[in-house]
Amino acid sequence: AHDNIFNKDILGNDADYFTTHHDITHLIHEHVSSTINEQRKQENLRKVREVYNWDNIANAYEKLMLRAIGLKENEVLPSPARQIA
């Protein structure tokens, strides 16, 4: 993966990183155990299922928006119908 803060935050130690084309060449020619690659793949799949899924992402955005308007998670937004009446 490209060596940047976003990839490192998500992949952590479960990837090899490159910054230049020379790094890519080195990674291609470097022998990495298939067992290690399989472990990395399984860990990254687990992250996708448990951390980077749409439910978690939507919930995180909802919490962020509620905080932005000064509400807590357990507070209910007023219904637009009640505001009109």
Protein backbone atom coordinates (compact mmCIF):
# COMPACT_ATOMS: atom_id res chain seq x y z
CA ALA A 1 0.00 0.00 0.00
CA HIS A 2 1.14 3.55 -0.56
CA ASP A 3 2.89 4.84 2.57
CA ASN A 4 0.51 7.52 3.83
CA ILE A 5 -1.31 8.29 7.07
CA PHE A 6 -4.67 7.01 5.80
CA ASN A 7 -3.41 3.61 4.66
CA LYS A 8 -1.30 3.18 7.80
CA ASP A 9 -4.26 4.05 10.01
CA ILE A 10 -6.42 1.39 8.37
CA LEU A 11 -3.90 -1.33 7.54
CA GLY A 12 -1.45 -0.90 10.40
CA ASN A 13 1.03 -3.78 10.36
CA ASP A 14 -1.13 -5.78 7.96
CA ALA A 15 0.50 -4.46 4.79
CA ASP A 16 3.80 -3.65 3.14
CA TYR A 17 4.26 0.01 2.25
CA PHE A 18 5.95 1.84 -0.59
CA THR A 19 6.75 5.46 -1.39
CA THR A 20 8.73 5.15 -4.63
CA HIS A 21 8.76 2.87 -7.66
CA HIS A 22 12.00 1.41 -6.29
CA ASP A 23 10.13 0.38 -3.15
CA ILE A 24 7.51 -1.39 -5.28
CA THR A 25 10.20 -3.27 -7.18
CA HIS A 26 11.78 -4.33 -3.89
CA LEU A 27 8.43 -5.50 -2.48
CA ILE A 28 7.68 -7.53 -5.61
CA HIS A 29 11.02 -9.29 -5.45
CA GLU A 30 11.04 -9.71 -1.68
CA HIS A 31 9.91 -13.11 -0.52
CA VAL A 32 6.99 -12.78 1.87
CA SER A 33 5.63 -15.94 3.40
CA SER A 34 2.22 -16.97 2.09
CA THR A 35 1.28 -17.67 5.71
CA ILE A 36 2.01 -14.05 6.65
CA ASN A 37 0.09 -12.79 3.61
CA GLU A 38 -2.88 -15.00 4.50
CA GLN A 39 -2.84 -13.73 8.09
CA ARG A 40 -2.73 -10.13 6.86
CA LYS A 41 -5.57 -10.77 4.44
CA GLN A 42 -7.73 -12.35 7.15
CA GLU A 43 -7.03 -9.49 9.56
CA ASN A 44 -7.89 -6.89 6.91
CA LEU A 45 -11.14 -8.72 6.11
CA ARG A 46 -11.98 -8.73 9.81
CA LYS A 47 -11.39 -4.96 9.95
CA VAL A 48 -13.73 -4.42 7.01
CA ARG A 49 -16.47 -6.52 8.64
CA GLU A 50 -16.12 -5.15 12.16
CA VAL A 51 -14.78 -1.61 11.82
CA TYR A 52 -15.12 -0.21 8.30
CA ASN A 53 -18.69 -1.25 7.53
CA TRP A 54 -21.57 1.02 6.56
CA ASP A 55 -23.41 0.68 9.88
CA ASN A 56 -20.37 1.86 11.83
CA ILE A 57 -19.64 4.63 9.34
CA ALA A 58 -23.26 5.89 9.34
CA ASN A 59 -23.38 5.76 13.16
CA ALA A 60 -20.13 7.71 13.42
CA TYR A 61 -21.47 10.39 11.06
CA GLU A 62 -24.73 10.57 12.99
CA LYS A 63 -22.85 11.09 16.27
CA LEU A 64 -20.69 13.75 14.64
CA MET A 65 -23.74 15.62 13.28
CA LEU A 66 -25.57 15.42 16.61
CA ARG A 67 -22.52 16.84 18.40
CA ALA A 68 -22.26 19.56 15.75
CA ILE A 69 -25.80 20.75 16.55
CA GLY A 70 -25.31 20.39 20.29
CA LEU A 71 -27.28 17.21 20.95
CA LYS A 72 -26.20 14.07 22.74
CA GLU A 73 -26.58 10.61 21.20
CA ASN A 74 -29.62 9.74 23.28
CA GLU A 75 -31.46 13.03 22.61
CA VAL A 76 -34.22 12.89 20.03
CA LEU A 77 -34.43 15.47 17.28
CA PRO A 78 -37.77 17.29 17.15
CA SER A 79 -40.09 16.08 14.45
CA PRO A 80 -40.60 18.56 11.59
CA ALA A 81 -44.36 17.91 11.87
CA ARG A 82 -44.30 19.03 15.54
CA GLN A 83 -42.45 22.22 14.65
CA ILE A 84 -45.07 23.22 12.07
CA ALA A 85 -48.07 22.59 14.35
